[in-house]
Amino acid sequence: MNNNNEVLKYCPNYYNIVNFDFQEDDLVSDKLIKIYKSYIFSIDILNQEEVAKLQELDRVLSNYIHDYLFRSTLQKEIVTVKVKRENILQNLVDSILKIFNNYEEYTTRKIYVSRWI
């Protein structure tokens, strides 16, 4: 059964991610988008854990597109990830989510509100 439309209901950022215009020599972005597309169309949408992970991956890659600091962090850290031979795609997705969680937890941005007197 072709459930692509069902999957896309859970991925509101799909077209923004897939149509992301990255530089030609940016191989990491190209691979991340390929991983994203492969993963979302390979999950079982009846499994709630996989759907939750799918939604989180969608949110993470949306942040990857819009947040330059996270993009550079992910590009540096994803190349050092060690992946087990079994279930490579799942391990890569878990690593991406883990990198994002670490980024969110340990990166705080100073917000400076200037006030004109």
PDB file of N, CA and C in Angstrom:
ATOM      1  N   MET A   1       0.837  -1.183   0.000  1.00  0.00           N
ATOM      2  CA  MET A   1       0.000   0.000   0.000  1.00  0.00           C
ATOM      3  C   MET A   1       0.880   1.244   0.000  1.00  0.00           C
ATOM      4  N   ASN A   2       0.576   2.158  -0.872  1.00  0.00           N
ATOM      5  CA  ASN A   2       1.334   3.394  -0.981  1.00  0.00           C
ATOM      6  C   ASN A   2       0.770   4.403   0.011  1.00  0.00           C
ATOM      7  N   ASN A   3       1.535   4.699   1.046  1.00  0.00           N
ATOM      8  CA  ASN A   3       1.054   5.601   2.090  1.00  0.00           C
ATOM      9  C   ASN A   3       1.842   6.901   2.140  1.00  0.00           C
ATOM     10  N   ASN A   4       2.362   7.346   1.000  1.00  0.00           N
ATOM     11  CA  ASN A   4       3.159   8.566   0.960  1.00  0.00           C
ATOM     12  C   ASN A   4       2.369   9.781   1.417  1.00  0.00           C
ATOM     13  N   ASN A   5       1.111   9.870   1.014  1.00  0.00           N
ATOM     14  CA  ASN A   5       0.297  11.014   1.435  1.00  0.00           C
ATOM     15  C   ASN A   5       0.056  11.002   2.938  1.00  0.00           C
ATOM     16  N   GLU A   6      -0.103   9.818   3.504  1.00  0.00           N
ATOM     17  CA  GLU A   6      -0.273   9.696   4.957  1.00  0.00           C
ATOM     18  C   GLU A   6       0.995  10.150   5.681  1.00  0.00           C
ATOM     19  N   VAL A   7       2.139   9.759   5.152  1.00  0.00           N
ATOM     20  CA  VAL A   7       3.414  10.138   5.765  1.00  0.00           C
ATOM     21  C   VAL A   7       3.598  11.651   5.702  1.00  0.00           C
ATOM     22  N   LEU A   8       3.257  12.251   4.589  1.00  0.00           N
ATOM     23  CA  LEU A   8       3.449  13.688   4.419  1.00  0.00           C
ATOM     24  C   LEU A   8       2.558  14.516   5.345  1.00  0.00           C
ATOM     25  N   LYS A   9       1.479  13.918   5.840  1.00  0.00           N
ATOM     26  CA  LYS A   9       0.643  14.617   6.820  1.00  0.00           C
ATOM     27  C   LYS A   9       1.416  14.870   8.112  1.00  0.00           C
ATOM     28  N   TYR A  10       2.362  13.989   8.408  1.00  0.00           N
ATOM     29  CA  TYR A  10       3.163  14.116   9.626  1.00  0.00           C
ATOM     30  C   TYR A  10       4.416  14.964   9.412  1.00  0.00           C
ATOM     31  N   CYS A  11       4.664  15.373   8.187  1.00  0.00           N
ATOM     32  CA  CYS A  11       5.874  16.136   7.855  1.00  0.00           C
ATOM     33  C   CYS A  11       5.498  17.485   7.238  1.00  0.00           C
ATOM     34  N   PRO A  12       5.159  18.470   8.062  1.00  0.00           N
ATOM     35  CA  PRO A  12       4.754  19.758   7.507  1.00  0.00           C
ATOM     36  C   PRO A  12       5.891  20.514   6.813  1.00  0.00           C
ATOM     37  N   ASN A  13       7.134  20.145   7.100  1.00  0.00           N
ATOM     38  CA  ASN A  13       8.280  20.848   6.516  1.00  0.00           C
ATOM     39  C   ASN A  13       8.913  20.089   5.355  1.00  0.00           C
ATOM     40  N   TYR A  14       8.243  19.068   4.875  1.00  0.00           N
ATOM     41  CA  TYR A  14       8.823  18.198   3.848  1.00  0.00           C
ATOM     42  C   TYR A  14       9.298  18.984   2.620  1.00  0.00           C
ATOM     43  N   TYR A  15       8.461  19.803   2.061  1.00  0.00           N
ATOM     44  CA  TYR A  15       8.821  20.500   0.823  1.00  0.00           C
ATOM     45  C   TYR A  15       9.901  21.545   1.054  1.00  0.00           C
ATOM     46  N   ASN A  16       9.925  22.170   2.217  1.00  0.00           N
ATOM     47  CA  ASN A  16      10.998  23.109   2.526  1.00  0.00           C
ATOM     48  C   ASN A  16      12.337  22.383   2.641  1.00  0.00           C
ATOM     49  N   ILE A  17      12.314  21.215   3.233  1.00  0.00           N
ATOM     50  CA  ILE A  17      13.550  20.445   3.412  1.00  0.00           C
ATOM     51  C   ILE A  17      14.045  19.895   2.081  1.00  0.00           C
ATOM     52  N   VAL A  18      13.162  19.299   1.330  1.00  0.00           N
ATOM     53  CA  VAL A  18      13.552  18.677   0.061  1.00  0.00           C
ATOM     54  C   VAL A  18      13.997  19.732  -0.960  1.00  0.00           C
ATOM     55  N   ASN A  19      13.389  20.902  -0.925  1.00  0.00           N
ATOM     56  CA  ASN A  19      13.734  21.952  -1.885  1.00  0.00           C
ATOM     57  C   ASN A  19      14.779  22.928  -1.356  1.00  0.00           C
ATOM     58  N   PHE A  20      15.449  22.558  -0.266  1.00  0.00           N
ATOM     59  CA  PHE A  20      16.481  23.410   0.315  1.00  0.00           C
ATOM     60  C   PHE A  20      17.600  23.613  -0.689  1.00  0.00           C
ATOM     61  N   ASP A  21      17.938  24.872  -0.916  1.00  0.00           N
ATOM     62  CA  ASP A  21      18.958  25.224  -1.899  1.00  0.00           C
ATOM     63  C   ASP A  21      20.301  25.354  -1.191  1.00  0.00           C
ATOM     64  N   PHE A  22      21.080  24.289  -1.227  1.00  0.00           N
ATOM     65  CA  PHE A  22      22.394  24.305  -0.596  1.00  0.00           C
ATOM     66  C   PHE A  22      23.465  24.445  -1.670  1.00  0.00           C
ATOM     67  N   GLN A  23      24.671  24.746  -1.224  1.00  0.00           N
ATOM     68  CA  GLN A  23      25.765  24.918  -2.177  1.00  0.00           C
ATOM     69  C   GLN A  23      26.110  23.589  -2.839  1.00  0.00           C
ATOM     70  N   GLU A  24      26.638  23.694  -4.018  1.00  0.00           N
ATOM     71  CA  GLU A  24      26.919  22.506  -4.814  1.00  0.00           C
ATOM     72  C   GLU A  24      27.935  21.577  -4.147  1.00  0.00           C
ATOM     73  N   ASP A  25      28.883  22.119  -3.424  1.00  0.00           N
ATOM     74  CA  ASP A  25      29.916  21.304  -2.791  1.00  0.00           C
ATOM     75  C   ASP A  25      29.537  20.851  -1.376  1.00  0.00           C
ATOM     76  N   ASP A  26      28.328  21.127  -0.952  1.00  0.00           N
ATOM     77  CA  ASP A  26      27.866  20.752   0.382  1.00  0.00           C
ATOM     78  C   ASP A  26      27.300  19.332   0.347  1.00  0.00           C
ATOM     79  N   LEU A  27      28.177  18.367   0.508  1.00  0.00           N
ATOM     80  CA  LEU A  27      27.777  16.967   0.434  1.00  0.00           C
ATOM     81  C   LEU A  27      27.000  16.517   1.660  1.00  0.00           C
ATOM     82  N   VAL A  28      27.260  17.133   2.795  1.00  0.00           N
ATOM     83  CA  VAL A  28      26.576  16.748   4.030  1.00  0.00           C
ATOM     84  C   VAL A  28      25.086  17.066   3.925  1.00  0.00           C
ATOM     85  N   SER A  29      24.754  18.240   3.444  1.00  0.00           N
ATOM     86  CA  SER A  29      23.339  18.605   3.295  1.00  0.00           C
ATOM     87  C   SER A  29      22.639  17.674   2.313  1.00  0.00           C
ATOM     88  N   ASP A  30      23.316  17.361   1.235  1.00  0.00           N
ATOM     89  CA  ASP A  30      22.753  16.447   0.250  1.00  0.00           C
ATOM     90  C   ASP A  30      22.466  15.079   0.874  1.00  0.00           C
ATOM     91  N   LYS A  31      23.414  14.557   1.628  1.00  0.00           N
ATOM     92  CA  LYS A  31      23.220  13.256   2.277  1.00  0.00           C
ATOM     93  C   LYS A  31      22.127  13.307   3.336  1.00  0.00           C
ATOM     94  N   LEU A  32      22.061  14.389   4.104  1.00  0.00           N
ATOM     95  CA  LEU A  32      21.027  14.504   5.129  1.00  0.00           C
ATOM     96  C   LEU A  32      19.632  14.504   4.515  1.00  0.00           C
ATOM     97  N   ILE A  33      19.478  15.184   3.420  1.00  0.00           N
ATOM     98  CA  ILE A  33      18.174  15.221   2.750  1.00  0.00           C
ATOM     99  C   ILE A  33      17.832  13.841   2.180  1.00  0.00           C
ATOM    100  N   LYS A  34      18.815  13.138   1.655  1.00  0.00           N
ATOM    101  CA  LYS A  34      18.577  11.777   1.159  1.00  0.00           C
ATOM    102  C   LYS A  34      18.200  10.835   2.300  1.00  0.00           C
ATOM    103  N   ILE A  35      18.876  10.982   3.432  1.00  0.00           N
ATOM    104  CA  ILE A  35      18.543  10.169   4.609  1.00  0.00           C
ATOM    105  C   ILE A  35      17.122  10.461   5.055  1.00  0.00           C
ATOM    106  N   TYR A  36      16.776  11.736   5.080  1.00  0.00           N
ATOM    107  CA  TYR A  36      15.425  12.158   5.478  1.00  0.00           C
ATOM    108  C   TYR A  36      14.372  11.513   4.578  1.00  0.00           C
ATOM    109  N   LYS A  37      14.561  11.625   3.280  1.00  0.00           N
ATOM    110  CA  LYS A  37      13.571  11.069   2.347  1.00  0.00           C
ATOM    111  C   LYS A  37      13.488   9.542   2.458  1.00  0.00           C
ATOM    112  N   SER A  38      14.626   8.906   2.590  1.00  0.00           N
ATOM    113  CA  SER A  38      14.629   7.440   2.726  1.00  0.00           C
ATOM    114  C   SER A  38      13.929   7.012   4.006  1.00  0.00           C
ATOM    115  N   TYR A  39      14.204   7.728   5.085  1.00  0.00           N
ATOM    116  CA  TYR A  39      13.639   7.333   6.371  1.00  0.00           C
ATOM    117  C   TYR A  39      12.133   7.535   6.419  1.00  0.00           C
ATOM    118  N   ILE A  40      11.658   8.694   5.989  1.00  0.00           N
ATOM    119  CA  ILE A  40      10.226   8.967   6.166  1.00  0.00           C
ATOM    120  C   ILE A  40       9.353   8.040   5.333  1.00  0.00           C
ATOM    121  N   PHE A  41       9.853   7.593   4.197  1.00  0.00           N
ATOM    122  CA  PHE A  41       9.043   6.715   3.366  1.00  0.00           C
ATOM    123  C   PHE A  41       9.276   5.235   3.666  1.00  0.00           C
ATOM    124  N   SER A  42      10.098   4.944   4.668  1.00  0.00           N
ATOM    125  CA  SER A  42      10.331   3.549   5.037  1.00  0.00           C
ATOM    126  C   SER A  42       9.690   3.168   6.366  1.00  0.00           C
ATOM    127  N   ILE A  43       9.089   4.121   7.061  1.00  0.00           N
ATOM    128  CA  ILE A  43       8.537   3.797   8.382  1.00  0.00           C
ATOM    129  C   ILE A  43       7.127   3.217   8.264  1.00  0.00           C
ATOM    130  N   ASP A  44       6.705   2.605   9.335  1.00  0.00           N
ATOM    131  CA  ASP A  44       5.349   2.090   9.460  1.00  0.00           C
ATOM    132  C   ASP A  44       4.524   3.154  10.175  1.00  0.00           C
ATOM    133  N   ILE A  45       3.561   3.750   9.496  1.00  0.00           N
ATOM    134  CA  ILE A  45       2.807   4.851  10.106  1.00  0.00           C
ATOM    135  C   ILE A  45       1.835   4.375  11.183  1.00  0.00           C
ATOM    136  N   LEU A  46       1.670   3.080  11.325  1.00  0.00           N
ATOM    137  CA  LEU A  46       0.829   2.562  12.393  1.00  0.00           C
ATOM    138  C   LEU A  46       1.593   2.452  13.711  1.00  0.00           C
ATOM    139  N   ASN A  47       2.910   2.529  13.650  1.00  0.00           N
ATOM    140  CA  ASN A  47       3.757   2.484  14.837  1.00  0.00           C
ATOM    141  C   ASN A  47       3.942   3.913  15.371  1.00  0.00           C
ATOM    142  N   GLN A  48       3.384   4.196  16.524  1.00  0.00           N
ATOM    143  CA  GLN A  48       3.389   5.555  17.074  1.00  0.00           C
ATOM    144  C   GLN A  48       4.792   6.046  17.421  1.00  0.00           C
ATOM    145  N   GLU A  49       5.684   5.147  17.836  1.00  0.00           N
ATOM    146  CA  GLU A  49       7.058   5.545  18.147  1.00  0.00           C
ATOM    147  C   GLU A  49       7.772   6.029  16.894  1.00  0.00           C
ATOM    148  N   GLU A  50       7.581   5.314  15.799  1.00  0.00           N
ATOM    149  CA  GLU A  50       8.217   5.705  14.546  1.00  0.00           C
ATOM    150  C   GLU A  50       7.631   7.019  14.025  1.00  0.00           C
ATOM    151  N   VAL A  51       6.336   7.210  14.184  1.00  0.00           N
ATOM    152  CA  VAL A  51       5.701   8.460  13.756  1.00  0.00           C
ATOM    153  C   VAL A  51       6.225   9.630  14.586  1.00  0.00           C
ATOM    154  N   ALA A  52       6.407   9.422  15.890  1.00  0.00           N
ATOM    155  CA  ALA A  52       6.945  10.478  16.752  1.00  0.00           C
ATOM    156  C   ALA A  52       8.372  10.824  16.343  1.00  0.00           C
ATOM    157  N   LYS A  53       9.158   9.812  16.028  1.00  0.00           N
ATOM    158  CA  LYS A  53      10.539  10.048  15.589  1.00  0.00           C
ATOM    159  C   LYS A  53      10.550  10.744  14.237  1.00  0.00           C
ATOM    160  N   LEU A  54       9.614  10.397  13.377  1.00  0.00           N
ATOM    161  CA  LEU A  54       9.472  11.042  12.078  1.00  0.00           C
ATOM    162  C   LEU A  54       9.172  12.529  12.245  1.00  0.00           C
ATOM    163  N   GLN A  55       8.249  12.863  13.122  1.00  0.00           N
ATOM    164  CA  GLN A  55       7.905  14.261  13.358  1.00  0.00           C
ATOM    165  C   GLN A  55       9.075  15.031  13.944  1.00  0.00           C
ATOM    166  N   GLU A  56       9.823  14.379  14.827  1.00  0.00           N
ATOM    167  CA  GLU A  56      10.978  15.044  15.421  1.00  0.00           C
ATOM    168  C   GLU A  56      12.071  15.268  14.378  1.00  0.00           C
ATOM    169  N   LEU A  57      12.304  14.294  13.513  1.00  0.00           N
ATOM    170  CA  LEU A  57      13.290  14.449  12.447  1.00  0.00           C
ATOM    171  C   LEU A  57      12.887  15.581  11.513  1.00  0.00           C
ATOM    172  N   ASP A  58      11.612  15.689  11.215  1.00  0.00           N
ATOM    173  CA  ASP A  58      11.111  16.772  10.374  1.00  0.00           C
ATOM    174  C   ASP A  58      11.415  18.127  11.021  1.00  0.00           C
ATOM    175  N   ARG A  59      11.187  18.224  12.307  1.00  0.00           N
ATOM    176  CA  ARG A  59      11.447  19.468  13.037  1.00  0.00           C
ATOM    177  C   ARG A  59      12.944  19.780  13.085  1.00  0.00           C
ATOM    178  N   VAL A  60      13.761  18.753  13.286  1.00  0.00           N
ATOM    179  CA  VAL A  60      15.208  18.940  13.372  1.00  0.00           C
ATOM    180  C   VAL A  60      15.772  19.419  12.037  1.00  0.00           C
ATOM    181  N   LEU A  61      15.365  18.811  10.954  1.00  0.00           N
ATOM    182  CA  LEU A  61      15.895  19.233   9.652  1.00  0.00           C
ATOM    183  C   LEU A  61      15.339  20.587   9.224  1.00  0.00           C
ATOM    184  N   SER A  62      14.180  20.938   9.717  1.00  0.00           N
ATOM    185  CA  SER A  62      13.689  22.292   9.489  1.00  0.00           C
ATOM    186  C   SER A  62      14.586  23.293  10.213  1.00  0.00           C
ATOM    187  N   ASN A  63      14.984  22.961  11.426  1.00  0.00           N
ATOM    188  CA  ASN A  63      15.934  23.809  12.146  1.00  0.00           C
ATOM    189  C   ASN A  63      17.281  23.839  11.441  1.00  0.00           C
ATOM    190  N   TYR A  64      17.682  22.728  10.866  1.00  0.00           N
ATOM    191  CA  TYR A  64      18.934  22.663  10.107  1.00  0.00           C
ATOM    192  C   TYR A  64      18.925  23.676   8.965  1.00  0.00           C
ATOM    193  N   ILE A  65      17.805  23.807   8.314  1.00  0.00           N
ATOM    194  CA  ILE A  65      17.687  24.739   7.197  1.00  0.00           C
ATOM    195  C   ILE A  65      17.706  26.188   7.663  1.00  0.00           C
ATOM    196  N   HIS A  66      17.023  26.466   8.760  1.00  0.00           N
ATOM    197  CA  HIS A  66      16.818  27.848   9.180  1.00  0.00           C
ATOM    198  C   HIS A  66      17.860  28.378  10.163  1.00  0.00           C
ATOM    199  N   ASP A  67      18.590  27.521  10.827  1.00  0.00           N
ATOM    200  CA  ASP A  67      19.529  27.945  11.863  1.00  0.00           C
ATOM    201  C   ASP A  67      20.957  27.638  11.418  1.00  0.00           C
ATOM    202  N   TYR A  68      21.701  28.679  11.072  1.00  0.00           N
ATOM    203  CA  TYR A  68      23.057  28.497  10.556  1.00  0.00           C
ATOM    204  C   TYR A  68      23.972  27.869  11.599  1.00  0.00           C
ATOM    205  N   LEU A  69      23.834  28.262  12.852  1.00  0.00           N
ATOM    206  CA  LEU A  69      24.683  27.723  13.906  1.00  0.00           C
ATOM    207  C   LEU A  69      24.455  26.218  14.086  1.00  0.00           C
ATOM    208  N   PHE A  70      23.204  25.796  14.073  1.00  0.00           N
ATOM    209  CA  PHE A  70      22.917  24.364  14.173  1.00  0.00           C
ATOM    210  C   PHE A  70      23.414  23.629  12.934  1.00  0.00           C
ATOM    211  N   ARG A  71      23.280  24.233  11.778  1.00  0.00           N
ATOM    212  CA  ARG A  71      23.750  23.606  10.541  1.00  0.00           C
ATOM    213  C   ARG A  71      25.244  23.328  10.618  1.00  0.00           C
ATOM    214  N   SER A  72      26.007  24.300  11.052  1.00  0.00           N
ATOM    215  CA  SER A  72      27.452  24.085  11.142  1.00  0.00           C
ATOM    216  C   SER A  72      27.792  23.066  12.227  1.00  0.00           C
ATOM    217  N   THR A  73      27.055  23.073  13.328  1.00  0.00           N
ATOM    218  CA  THR A  73      27.279  22.092  14.389  1.00  0.00           C
ATOM    219  C   THR A  73      27.001  20.681  13.892  1.00  0.00           C
ATOM    220  N   LEU A  74      25.877  20.499  13.235  1.00  0.00           N
ATOM    221  CA  LEU A  74      25.521  19.170  12.733  1.00  0.00           C
ATOM    222  C   LEU A  74      26.509  18.699  11.678  1.00  0.00           C
ATOM    223  N   GLN A  75      26.944  19.585  10.807  1.00  0.00           N
ATOM    224  CA  GLN A  75      27.893  19.191   9.772  1.00  0.00           C
ATOM    225  C   GLN A  75      29.227  18.751  10.361  1.00  0.00           C
ATOM    226  N   LYS A  76      29.629  19.386  11.458  1.00  0.00           N
ATOM    227  CA  LYS A  76      30.883  18.985  12.099  1.00  0.00           C
ATOM    228  C   LYS A  76      30.743  17.655  12.824  1.00  0.00           C
ATOM    229  N   GLU A  77      29.621  17.462  13.498  1.00  0.00           N
ATOM    230  CA  GLU A  77      29.475  16.285  14.355  1.00  0.00           C
ATOM    231  C   GLU A  77      28.995  15.037  13.617  1.00  0.00           C
ATOM    232  N   ILE A  78      28.270  15.200  12.531  1.00  0.00           N
ATOM    233  CA  ILE A  78      27.721  14.027  11.847  1.00  0.00           C
ATOM    234  C   ILE A  78      28.820  13.197  11.175  1.00  0.00           C
ATOM    235  N   VAL A  79      29.910  13.831  10.807  1.00  0.00           N
ATOM    236  CA  VAL A  79      30.987  13.084  10.143  1.00  0.00           C
ATOM    237  C   VAL A  79      31.782  12.236  11.131  1.00  0.00           C
ATOM    238  N   THR A  80      31.622  12.473  12.433  1.00  0.00           N
ATOM    239  CA  THR A  80      32.338  11.695  13.438  1.00  0.00           C
ATOM    240  C   THR A  80      31.475  10.590  14.051  1.00  0.00           C
ATOM    241  N   VAL A  81      30.251  10.462  13.585  1.00  0.00           N
ATOM    242  CA  VAL A  81      29.325   9.473  14.143  1.00  0.00           C
ATOM    243  C   VAL A  81      29.736   8.079  13.699  1.00  0.00           C
ATOM    244  N   LYS A  82      29.750   7.176  14.658  1.00  0.00           N
ATOM    245  CA  LYS A  82      30.030   5.763  14.362  1.00  0.00           C
ATOM    246  C   LYS A  82      28.701   5.024  14.310  1.00  0.00           C
ATOM    247  N   VAL A  83      28.480   4.309  13.222  1.00  0.00           N
ATOM    248  CA  VAL A  83      27.204   3.644  12.985  1.00  0.00           C
ATOM    249  C   VAL A  83      27.438   2.135  12.914  1.00  0.00           C
ATOM    250  N   LYS A  84      26.542   1.393  13.554  1.00  0.00           N
ATOM    251  CA  LYS A  84      26.608  -0.066  13.489  1.00  0.00           C
ATOM    252  C   LYS A  84      26.135  -0.537  12.120  1.00  0.00           C
ATOM    253  N   ARG A  85      26.595  -1.680  11.719  1.00  0.00           N
ATOM    254  CA  ARG A  85      26.251  -2.184  10.384  1.00  0.00           C
ATOM    255  C   ARG A  85      24.783  -2.552  10.239  1.00  0.00           C
ATOM    256  N   GLU A  86      24.163  -3.014  11.290  1.00  0.00           N
ATOM    257  CA  GLU A  86      22.753  -3.365  11.178  1.00  0.00           C
ATOM    258  C   GLU A  86      21.899  -2.115  11.368  1.00  0.00           C
ATOM    259  N   ASN A  87      20.922  -1.979  10.522  1.00  0.00           N
ATOM    260  CA  ASN A  87      19.967  -0.868  10.564  1.00  0.00           C
ATOM    261  C   ASN A  87      20.662   0.496  10.530  1.00  0.00           C
ATOM    262  N   ILE A  88      21.400   0.739   9.495  1.00  0.00           N
ATOM    263  CA  ILE A  88      22.206   1.953   9.354  1.00  0.00           C
ATOM    264  C   ILE A  88      21.341   3.200   9.332  1.00  0.00           C
ATOM    265  N   LEU A  89      20.253   3.166   8.593  1.00  0.00           N
ATOM    266  CA  LEU A  89      19.382   4.336   8.469  1.00  0.00           C
ATOM    267  C   LEU A  89      18.817   4.746   9.832  1.00  0.00           C
ATOM    268  N   GLN A  90      18.353   3.790  10.591  1.00  0.00           N
ATOM    269  CA  GLN A  90      17.802   4.072  11.921  1.00  0.00           C
ATOM    270  C   GLN A  90      18.873   4.653  12.840  1.00  0.00           C
ATOM    271  N   ASN A  91      20.078   4.111  12.777  1.00  0.00           N
ATOM    272  CA  ASN A  91      21.172   4.618  13.603  1.00  0.00           C
ATOM    273  C   ASN A  91      21.565   6.036  13.222  1.00  0.00           C
ATOM    274  N   LEU A  92      21.562   6.345  11.943  1.00  0.00           N
ATOM    275  CA  LEU A  92      21.876   7.705  11.502  1.00  0.00           C
ATOM    276  C   LEU A  92      20.819   8.695  11.988  1.00  0.00           C
ATOM    277  N   VAL A  93      19.565   8.323  11.877  1.00  0.00           N
ATOM    278  CA  VAL A  93      18.479   9.197  12.337  1.00  0.00           C
ATOM    279  C   VAL A  93      18.582   9.414  13.840  1.00  0.00           C
ATOM    280  N   ASP A  94      18.848   8.360  14.579  1.00  0.00           N
ATOM    281  CA  ASP A  94      19.018   8.496  16.031  1.00  0.00           C
ATOM    282  C   ASP A  94      20.183   9.423  16.360  1.00  0.00           C
ATOM    283  N   SER A  95      21.268   9.330  15.600  1.00  0.00           N
ATOM    284  CA  SER A  95      22.427  10.195  15.821  1.00  0.00           C
ATOM    285  C   SER A  95      22.099  11.654  15.532  1.00  0.00           C
ATOM    286  N   ILE A  96      21.352  11.903  14.475  1.00  0.00           N
ATOM    287  CA  ILE A  96      20.947  13.276  14.132  1.00  0.00           C
ATOM    288  C   ILE A  96      20.090  13.859  15.248  1.00  0.00           C
ATOM    289  N   LEU A  97      19.153  13.072  15.739  1.00  0.00           N
ATOM    290  CA  LEU A  97      18.274  13.542  16.817  1.00  0.00           C
ATOM    291  C   LEU A  97      19.064  13.782  18.100  1.00  0.00           C
ATOM    292  N   LYS A  98      20.032  12.916  18.367  1.00  0.00           N
ATOM    293  CA  LYS A  98      20.860  13.075  19.564  1.00  0.00           C
ATOM    294  C   LYS A  98      21.711  14.344  19.470  1.00  0.00           C
ATOM    295  N   ILE A  99      22.283  14.605  18.313  1.00  0.00           N
ATOM    296  CA  ILE A  99      23.079  15.825  18.115  1.00  0.00           C
ATOM    297  C   ILE A  99      22.207  17.054  18.324  1.00  0.00           C
ATOM    298  N   PHE A 100      20.984  17.013  17.808  1.00  0.00           N
ATOM    299  CA  PHE A 100      20.088  18.154  17.984  1.00  0.00           C
ATOM    300  C   PHE A 100      19.719  18.348  19.453  1.00  0.00           C
ATOM    301  N   ASN A 101      19.434  17.272  20.153  1.00  0.00           N
ATOM    302  CA  ASN A 101      19.093  17.386  21.573  1.00  0.00           C
ATOM    303  C   ASN A 101      20.250  17.966  22.379  1.00  0.00           C
ATOM    304  N   ASN A 102      21.478  17.540  22.067  1.00  0.00           N
ATOM    305  CA  ASN A 102      22.648  18.113  22.731  1.00  0.00           C
ATOM    306  C   ASN A 102      22.805  19.589  22.391  1.00  0.00           C
ATOM    307  N   TYR A 103      22.578  19.921  21.145  1.00  0.00           N
ATOM    308  CA  TYR A 103      22.671  21.316  20.711  1.00  0.00           C
ATOM    309  C   TYR A 103      21.652  22.179  21.451  1.00  0.00           C
ATOM    310  N   GLU A 104      20.417  21.689  21.519  1.00  0.00           N
ATOM    311  CA  GLU A 104      19.357  22.436  22.196  1.00  0.00           C
ATOM    312  C   GLU A 104      19.633  22.579  23.685  1.00  0.00           C
ATOM    313  N   GLU A 105      20.164  21.538  24.282  1.00  0.00           N
ATOM    314  CA  GLU A 105      20.391  21.538  25.717  1.00  0.00           C
ATOM    315  C   GLU A 105      21.573  22.422  26.123  1.00  0.00           C
ATOM    316  N   TYR A 106      22.655  22.369  25.363  1.00  0.00           N
ATOM    317  CA  TYR A 106      23.874  23.046  25.778  1.00  0.00           C
ATOM    318  C   TYR A 106      24.126  24.387  25.104  1.00  0.00           C
ATOM    319  N   THR A 107      23.343  24.718  24.134  1.00  0.00           N
ATOM    320  CA  THR A 107      23.546  25.985  23.460  1.00  0.00           C
ATOM    321  C   THR A 107      22.459  26.955  23.886  1.00  0.00           C
ATOM    322  N   THR A 108      22.900  27.989  24.497  1.00  0.00           N
ATOM    323  CA  THR A 108      21.972  29.062  24.835  1.00  0.00           C
ATOM    324  C   THR A 108      22.467  30.314  24.142  1.00  0.00           C
ATOM    325  N   ARG A 109      21.574  31.064  23.724  1.00  0.00           N
ATOM    326  CA  ARG A 109      21.947  32.286  23.017  1.00  0.00           C
ATOM    327  C   ARG A 109      21.683  33.479  23.910  1.00  0.00           C
ATOM    328  N   LYS A 110      22.615  34.365  23.901  1.00  0.00           N
ATOM    329  CA  LYS A 110      22.427  35.592  24.659  1.00  0.00           C
ATOM    330  C   LYS A 110      21.511  36.503  23.865  1.00  0.00           C
ATOM    331  N   ILE A 111      20.497  36.928  24.521  1.00  0.00           N
ATOM    332  CA  ILE A 111      19.580  37.869  23.896  1.00  0.00           C
ATOM    333  C   ILE A 111      19.801  39.198  24.577  1.00  0.00           C
ATOM    334  N   TYR A 112      20.248  40.119  23.808  1.00  0.00           N
ATOM    335  CA  TYR A 112      20.571  41.430  24.339  1.00  0.00           C
ATOM    336  C   TYR A 112      19.567  42.426  23.791  1.00  0.00           C
ATOM    337  N   VAL A 113      18.841  43.033  24.665  1.00  0.00           N
ATOM    338  CA  VAL A 113      17.874  44.032  24.252  1.00  0.00           C
ATOM    339  C   VAL A 113      18.455  45.394  24.583  1.00  0.00           C
ATOM    340  N   SER A 114      18.770  46.100  23.548  1.00  0.00           N
ATOM    341  CA  SER A 114      19.321  47.425  23.788  1.00  0.00           C
ATOM    342  C   SER A 114      18.198  48.411  24.039  1.00  0.00           C
ATOM    343  N   ARG A 115      18.514  49.349  24.804  1.00  0.00           N
ATOM    344  CA  ARG A 115      17.504  50.334  25.177  1.00  0.00           C
ATOM    345  C   ARG A 115      18.043  51.730  24.922  1.00  0.00           C
ATOM    346  N   TRP A 116      17.345  52.446  24.139  1.00  0.00           N
ATOM    347  CA  TRP A 116      17.774  53.804  23.817  1.00  0.00           C
ATOM    348  C   TRP A 116      17.214  54.762  24.844  1.00  0.00           C
ATOM    349  N   ILE A 117      18.078  55.566  25.330  1.00  0.00           N
ATOM    350  CA  ILE A 117      17.673  56.547  26.345  1.00  0.00           C
ATOM    351  C   ILE A 117      17.494  57.898  25.694  1.00  0.00           C
TER     352      ILE A 117
END
